[in-house]
Amino acid sequence: YLQMNSLKPEDTAVYYCNAQTIRLSA
């Protein structure tokens, strides 16, 4: 989870989640 407080206009973006194992990055 990502709790985002006090957001600013410069936080505008597409946010991507990444999961890494020993074998891959998804």
PDB file of all heavy atoms in Angstrom:
ATOM      1  N   TYR A   1       0.842  -1.183   0.000  1.00  0.00           N
ATOM      2  CA  TYR A   1       0.000   0.000   0.000  1.00  0.00           C
ATOM      3  C   TYR A   1       0.889   1.249   0.000  1.00  0.00           C
ATOM      4  O   TYR A   1       2.007   1.226   0.493  1.00  0.00           O
ATOM      5  CB  TYR A   1      -0.899   0.022   1.238  1.00  0.00           C
ATOM      6  CG  TYR A   1      -1.675  -1.252   1.442  1.00  0.00           C
ATOM      7  CD1 TYR A   1      -1.199  -2.245   2.302  1.00  0.00           C
ATOM      8  CD2 TYR A   1      -2.876  -1.483   0.770  1.00  0.00           C
ATOM      9  CE1 TYR A   1      -1.893  -3.415   2.495  1.00  0.00           C
ATOM     10  CE2 TYR A   1      -3.570  -2.657   0.956  1.00  0.00           C
ATOM     11  CZ  TYR A   1      -3.084  -3.626   1.810  1.00  0.00           C
ATOM     12  OH  TYR A   1      -3.771  -4.796   1.993  1.00  0.00           O
ATOM     13  N   LEU A   2       0.331   2.312  -0.527  1.00  0.00           N
ATOM     14  CA  LEU A   2       1.016   3.599  -0.494  1.00  0.00           C
ATOM     15  C   LEU A   2       0.015   4.654  -0.040  1.00  0.00           C
ATOM     16  O   LEU A   2      -0.907   4.993  -0.782  1.00  0.00           O
ATOM     17  CB  LEU A   2       1.602   3.967  -1.855  1.00  0.00           C
ATOM     18  CG  LEU A   2       2.468   5.220  -1.868  1.00  0.00           C
ATOM     19  CD1 LEU A   2       3.751   5.001  -1.061  1.00  0.00           C
ATOM     20  CD2 LEU A   2       2.800   5.639  -3.299  1.00  0.00           C
ATOM     21  N   GLN A   3       0.190   5.123   1.181  1.00  0.00           N
ATOM     22  CA  GLN A   3      -0.646   6.214   1.696  1.00  0.00           C
ATOM     23  C   GLN A   3       0.023   7.522   1.312  1.00  0.00           C
ATOM     24  O   GLN A   3       1.171   7.781   1.710  1.00  0.00           O
ATOM     25  CB  GLN A   3      -0.778   6.115   3.215  1.00  0.00           C
ATOM     26  CG  GLN A   3      -1.595   7.225   3.833  1.00  0.00           C
ATOM     27  CD  GLN A   3      -3.047   7.206   3.405  1.00  0.00           C
ATOM     28  OE1 GLN A   3      -3.669   6.152   3.347  1.00  0.00           O
ATOM     29  NE2 GLN A   3      -3.585   8.383   3.097  1.00  0.00           N
ATOM     30  N   MET A   4      -0.683   8.340   0.567  1.00  0.00           N
ATOM     31  CA  MET A   4      -0.131   9.599   0.073  1.00  0.00           C
ATOM     32  C   MET A   4      -0.902  10.757   0.681  1.00  0.00           C
ATOM     33  O   MET A   4      -2.101  10.904   0.427  1.00  0.00           O
ATOM     34  CB  MET A   4      -0.207   9.650  -1.458  1.00  0.00           C
ATOM     35  CG  MET A   4       0.457   8.467  -2.136  1.00  0.00           C
ATOM     36  SD  MET A   4       0.495   8.609  -3.937  1.00  0.00           S
ATOM     37  CE  MET A   4      -1.251   8.508  -4.305  1.00  0.00           C
ATOM     38  N   ASN A   5      -0.227  11.532   1.496  1.00  0.00           N
ATOM     39  CA  ASN A   5      -0.823  12.697   2.146  1.00  0.00           C
ATOM     40  C   ASN A   5      -0.161  13.982   1.642  1.00  0.00           C
ATOM     41  O   ASN A   5       0.924  13.942   1.050  1.00  0.00           O
ATOM     42  CB  ASN A   5      -0.654  12.598   3.662  1.00  0.00           C
ATOM     43  CG  ASN A   5      -1.345  11.392   4.253  1.00  0.00           C
ATOM     44  OD1 ASN A   5      -2.382  10.929   3.765  1.00  0.00           O
ATOM     45  ND2 ASN A   5      -0.792  10.861   5.329  1.00  0.00           N
ATOM     46  N   SER A   6      -0.814  15.081   1.893  1.00  0.00           N
ATOM     47  CA  SER A   6      -0.283  16.391   1.494  1.00  0.00           C
ATOM     48  C   SER A   6       0.161  16.380   0.036  1.00  0.00           C
ATOM     49  O   SER A   6       1.257  16.828  -0.307  1.00  0.00           O
ATOM     50  CB  SER A   6       0.894  16.777   2.395  1.00  0.00           C
ATOM     51  OG  SER A   6       0.512  16.807   3.752  1.00  0.00           O
ATOM     52  N   LEU A   7      -0.714  15.885  -0.811  1.00  0.00           N
ATOM     53  CA  LEU A   7      -0.368  15.746  -2.226  1.00  0.00           C
ATOM     54  C   LEU A   7      -0.149  17.102  -2.881  1.00  0.00           C
ATOM     55  O   LEU A   7      -0.812  18.098  -2.547  1.00  0.00           O
ATOM     56  CB  LEU A   7      -1.444  14.957  -2.954  1.00  0.00           C
ATOM     57  CG  LEU A   7      -1.370  13.442  -2.724  1.00  0.00           C
ATOM     58  CD1 LEU A   7      -2.700  12.775  -3.050  1.00  0.00           C
ATOM     59  CD2 LEU A   7      -0.250  12.834  -3.557  1.00  0.00           C
ATOM     60  N   LYS A   8       0.781  17.102  -3.825  1.00  0.00           N
ATOM     61  CA  LYS A   8       1.136  18.312  -4.559  1.00  0.00           C
ATOM     62  C   LYS A   8       0.893  18.084  -6.052  1.00  0.00           C
ATOM     63  O   LYS A   8       0.928  16.939  -6.516  1.00  0.00           O
ATOM     64  CB  LYS A   8       2.614  18.644  -4.338  1.00  0.00           C
ATOM     65  CG  LYS A   8       3.023  18.800  -2.896  1.00  0.00           C
ATOM     66  CD  LYS A   8       4.537  19.013  -2.787  1.00  0.00           C
ATOM     67  CE  LYS A   8       4.967  19.145  -1.347  1.00  0.00           C
ATOM     68  NZ  LYS A   8       6.440  19.342  -1.218  1.00  0.00           N
ATOM     69  N   PRO A   9       0.682  19.138  -6.812  1.00  0.00           N
ATOM     70  CA  PRO A   9       0.503  18.963  -8.261  1.00  0.00           C
ATOM     71  C   PRO A   9       1.656  18.198  -8.910  1.00  0.00           C
ATOM     72  O   PRO A   9       1.433  17.441  -9.866  1.00  0.00           O
ATOM     73  CB  PRO A   9       0.416  20.406  -8.769  1.00  0.00           C
ATOM     74  CG  PRO A   9      -0.166  21.162  -7.623  1.00  0.00           C
ATOM     75  CD  PRO A   9       0.438  20.532  -6.400  1.00  0.00           C
ATOM     76  N   GLU A  10       2.854  18.370  -8.395  1.00  0.00           N
ATOM     77  CA  GLU A  10       4.001  17.672  -8.970  1.00  0.00           C
ATOM     78  C   GLU A  10       4.006  16.175  -8.673  1.00  0.00           C
ATOM     79  O   GLU A  10       4.846  15.435  -9.199  1.00  0.00           O
ATOM     80  CB  GLU A  10       5.327  18.285  -8.502  1.00  0.00           C
ATOM     81  CG  GLU A  10       5.443  18.469  -7.013  1.00  0.00           C
ATOM     82  CD  GLU A  10       5.078  19.883  -6.574  1.00  0.00           C
ATOM     83  OE1 GLU A  10       4.066  20.423  -7.082  1.00  0.00           O
ATOM     84  OE2 GLU A  10       5.808  20.436  -5.715  1.00  0.00           O
ATOM     85  N   ASP A  11       3.068  15.704  -7.856  1.00  0.00           N
ATOM     86  CA  ASP A  11       2.918  14.265  -7.632  1.00  0.00           C
ATOM     87  C   ASP A  11       2.082  13.615  -8.735  1.00  0.00           C
ATOM     88  O   ASP A  11       1.952  12.389  -8.774  1.00  0.00           O
ATOM     89  CB  ASP A  11       2.251  13.987  -6.282  1.00  0.00           C
ATOM     90  CG  ASP A  11       3.109  14.409  -5.105  1.00  0.00           C
ATOM     91  OD1 ASP A  11       4.327  14.142  -5.135  1.00  0.00           O
ATOM     92  OD2 ASP A  11       2.559  14.998  -4.151  1.00  0.00           O
ATOM     93  N   THR A  12       1.502  14.432  -9.613  1.00  0.00           N
ATOM     94  CA  THR A  12       0.704  13.907 -10.714  1.00  0.00           C
ATOM     95  C   THR A  12       1.554  13.011 -11.600  1.00  0.00           C
ATOM     96  O   THR A  12       2.622  13.412 -12.075  1.00  0.00           O
ATOM     97  CB  THR A  12       0.122  15.054 -11.546  1.00  0.00           C
ATOM     98  OG1 THR A  12      -0.796  15.798 -10.733  1.00  0.00           O
ATOM     99  CG2 THR A  12      -0.605  14.534 -12.775  1.00  0.00           C
ATOM    100  N   ALA A  13       1.090  11.785 -11.812  1.00  0.00           N
ATOM    101  CA  ALA A  13       1.843  10.803 -12.595  1.00  0.00           C
ATOM    102  C   ALA A  13       1.031   9.517 -12.689  1.00  0.00           C
ATOM    103  O   ALA A  13       0.003   9.372 -12.016  1.00  0.00           O
ATOM    104  CB  ALA A  13       3.193  10.500 -11.935  1.00  0.00           C
ATOM    105  N   VAL A  14       1.508   8.610 -13.514  1.00  0.00           N
ATOM    106  CA  VAL A  14       1.008   7.237 -13.475  1.00  0.00           C
ATOM    107  C   VAL A  14       1.872   6.483 -12.470  1.00  0.00           C
ATOM    108  O   VAL A  14       3.105   6.510 -12.574  1.00  0.00           O
ATOM    109  CB  VAL A  14       1.068   6.564 -14.850  1.00  0.00           C
ATOM    110  CG1 VAL A  14       0.594   5.115 -14.742  1.00  0.00           C
ATOM    111  CG2 VAL A  14       0.219   7.322 -15.860  1.00  0.00           C
ATOM    112  N   TYR A  15       1.233   5.842 -11.521  1.00  0.00           N
ATOM    113  CA  TYR A  15       1.937   5.128 -10.482  1.00  0.00           C
ATOM    114  C   TYR A  15       1.889   3.625 -10.794  1.00  0.00           C
ATOM    115  O   TYR A  15       0.821   3.070 -11.037  1.00  0.00           O
ATOM    116  CB  TYR A  15       1.308   5.409  -9.118  1.00  0.00           C
ATOM    117  CG  TYR A  15       1.687   6.771  -8.583  1.00  0.00           C
ATOM    118  CD1 TYR A  15       1.217   7.936  -9.181  1.00  0.00           C
ATOM    119  CD2 TYR A  15       2.544   6.896  -7.496  1.00  0.00           C
ATOM    120  CE1 TYR A  15       1.592   9.192  -8.708  1.00  0.00           C
ATOM    121  CE2 TYR A  15       2.909   8.142  -7.008  1.00  0.00           C
ATOM    122  CZ  TYR A  15       2.434   9.279  -7.616  1.00  0.00           C
ATOM    123  OH  TYR A  15       2.806  10.518  -7.142  1.00  0.00           O
ATOM    124  N   TYR A  16       3.060   3.021 -10.770  1.00  0.00           N
ATOM    125  CA  TYR A  16       3.197   1.600 -11.089  1.00  0.00           C
ATOM    126  C   TYR A  16       3.667   0.827  -9.863  1.00  0.00           C
ATOM    127  O   TYR A  16       4.538   1.288  -9.121  1.00  0.00           O
ATOM    128  CB  TYR A  16       4.231   1.396 -12.203  1.00  0.00           C
ATOM    129  CG  TYR A  16       3.849   1.989 -13.530  1.00  0.00           C
ATOM    130  CD1 TYR A  16       4.218   3.294 -13.848  1.00  0.00           C
ATOM    131  CD2 TYR A  16       3.132   1.255 -14.464  1.00  0.00           C
ATOM    132  CE1 TYR A  16       3.880   3.844 -15.070  1.00  0.00           C
ATOM    133  CE2 TYR A  16       2.790   1.809 -15.690  1.00  0.00           C
ATOM    134  CZ  TYR A  16       3.161   3.104 -15.972  1.00  0.00           C
ATOM    135  OH  TYR A  16       2.822   3.652 -17.183  1.00  0.00           O
ATOM    136  N   CYS A  17       3.120  -0.357  -9.704  1.00  0.00           N
ATOM    137  CA  CYS A  17       3.548  -1.260  -8.647  1.00  0.00           C
ATOM    138  C   CYS A  17       4.526  -2.270  -9.245  1.00  0.00           C
ATOM    139  O   CYS A  17       4.361  -2.729 -10.378  1.00  0.00           O
ATOM    140  CB  CYS A  17       2.345  -1.988  -8.059  1.00  0.00           C
ATOM    141  SG  CYS A  17       2.739  -3.150  -6.744  1.00  0.00           S
ATOM    142  N   ASN A  18       5.532  -2.603  -8.472  1.00  0.00           N
ATOM    143  CA  ASN A  18       6.540  -3.576  -8.899  1.00  0.00           C
ATOM    144  C   ASN A  18       6.714  -4.629  -7.819  1.00  0.00           C
ATOM    145  O   ASN A  18       6.755  -4.309  -6.639  1.00  0.00           O
ATOM    146  CB  ASN A  18       7.861  -2.874  -9.167  1.00  0.00           C
ATOM    147  CG  ASN A  18       8.987  -3.848  -9.469  1.00  0.00           C
ATOM    148  OD1 ASN A  18       9.764  -4.220  -8.588  1.00  0.00           O
ATOM    149  ND2 ASN A  18       9.069  -4.266 -10.709  1.00  0.00           N
ATOM    150  N   ALA A  19       6.820  -5.874  -8.250  1.00  0.00           N
ATOM    151  CA  ALA A  19       7.089  -6.981  -7.338  1.00  0.00           C
ATOM    152  C   ALA A  19       8.306  -7.731  -7.844  1.00  0.00           C
ATOM    153  O   ALA A  19       8.379  -8.069  -9.027  1.00  0.00           O
ATOM    154  CB  ALA A  19       5.889  -7.917  -7.256  1.00  0.00           C
ATOM    155  N   GLN A  20       9.252  -7.983  -6.952  1.00  0.00           N
ATOM    156  CA  GLN A  20      10.489  -8.655  -7.361  1.00  0.00           C
ATOM    157  C   GLN A  20      10.678  -9.944  -6.585  1.00  0.00           C
ATOM    158  O   GLN A  20      10.567  -9.972  -5.364  1.00  0.00           O
ATOM    159  CB  GLN A  20      11.688  -7.732  -7.123  1.00  0.00           C
ATOM    160  CG  GLN A  20      11.711  -6.508  -8.006  1.00  0.00           C
ATOM    161  CD  GLN A  20      13.073  -5.849  -8.066  1.00  0.00           C
ATOM    162  OE1 GLN A  20      14.058  -6.423  -7.633  1.00  0.00           O
ATOM    163  NE2 GLN A  20      13.129  -4.646  -8.614  1.00  0.00           N
ATOM    164  N   THR A  21      10.992 -11.002  -7.337  1.00  0.00           N
ATOM    165  CA  THR A  21      11.421 -12.247  -6.724  1.00  0.00           C
ATOM    166  C   THR A  21      12.857 -12.492  -7.167  1.00  0.00           C
ATOM    167  O   THR A  21      13.449 -11.662  -7.862  1.00  0.00           O
ATOM    168  CB  THR A  21      10.538 -13.427  -7.163  1.00  0.00           C
ATOM    169  OG1 THR A  21      10.821 -13.723  -8.536  1.00  0.00           O
ATOM    170  CG2 THR A  21       9.064 -13.092  -7.037  1.00  0.00           C
ATOM    171  N   ILE A  22      13.410 -13.608  -6.787  1.00  0.00           N
ATOM    172  CA  ILE A  22      14.774 -13.924  -7.182  1.00  0.00           C
ATOM    173  C   ILE A  22      14.853 -14.144  -8.689  1.00  0.00           C
ATOM    174  O   ILE A  22      15.911 -13.994  -9.300  1.00  0.00           O
ATOM    175  CB  ILE A  22      15.303 -15.152  -6.413  1.00  0.00           C
ATOM    176  CG1 ILE A  22      16.835 -15.263  -6.561  1.00  0.00           C
ATOM    177  CG2 ILE A  22      14.582 -16.419  -6.863  1.00  0.00           C
ATOM    178  CD1 ILE A  22      17.438 -16.309  -5.658  1.00  0.00           C
ATOM    179  N   ARG A  23      13.727 -14.464  -9.306  1.00  0.00           N
ATOM    180  CA  ARG A  23      13.711 -14.800 -10.726  1.00  0.00           C
ATOM    181  C   ARG A  23      13.212 -13.690 -11.631  1.00  0.00           C
ATOM    182  O   ARG A  23      13.580 -13.628 -12.789  1.00  0.00           O
ATOM    183  CB  ARG A  23      12.845 -16.035 -10.960  1.00  0.00           C
ATOM    184  CG  ARG A  23      13.375 -17.303 -10.338  1.00  0.00           C
ATOM    185  CD  ARG A  23      12.471 -18.482 -10.664  1.00  0.00           C
ATOM    186  NE  ARG A  23      12.960 -19.735 -10.100  1.00  0.00           N
ATOM    187  CZ  ARG A  23      12.703 -20.128  -8.872  1.00  0.00           C
ATOM    188  NH1 ARG A  23      11.973 -19.393  -8.083  1.00  0.00           N
ATOM    189  NH2 ARG A  23      13.181 -21.270  -8.444  1.00  0.00           N
ATOM    190  N   LEU A  24      12.349 -12.823 -11.136  1.00  0.00           N
ATOM    191  CA  LEU A  24      11.723 -11.869 -12.048  1.00  0.00           C
ATOM    192  C   LEU A  24      11.334 -10.575 -11.366  1.00  0.00           C
ATOM    193  O   LEU A  24      11.317 -10.457 -10.143  1.00  0.00           O
ATOM    194  CB  LEU A  24      10.485 -12.506 -12.695  1.00  0.00           C
ATOM    195  CG  LEU A  24       9.377 -12.978 -11.771  1.00  0.00           C
ATOM    196  CD1 LEU A  24       8.450 -11.858 -11.362  1.00  0.00           C
ATOM    197  CD2 LEU A  24       8.556 -14.079 -12.459  1.00  0.00           C
ATOM    198  N   SER A  25      11.044  -9.600 -12.219  1.00  0.00           N
ATOM    199  CA  SER A  25      10.534  -8.304 -11.784  1.00  0.00           C
ATOM    200  C   SER A  25       9.243  -8.070 -12.551  1.00  0.00           C
ATOM    201  O   SER A  25       9.252  -7.974 -13.777  1.00  0.00           O
ATOM    202  CB  SER A  25      11.557  -7.208 -12.101  1.00  0.00           C
ATOM    203  OG  SER A  25      11.060  -5.944 -11.747  1.00  0.00           O
ATOM    204  N   ALA A  26       8.131  -7.988 -11.839  1.00  0.00           N
ATOM    205  CA  ALA A  26       6.819  -7.873 -12.472  1.00  0.00           C
ATOM    206  C   ALA A  26       6.213  -6.512 -12.211  1.00  0.00           C
ATOM    207  O   ALA A  26       6.310  -5.973 -11.107  1.00  0.00           O
ATOM    208  CB  ALA A  26       5.900  -8.964 -11.948  1.00  0.00           C
TER     209      ALA A  26
END
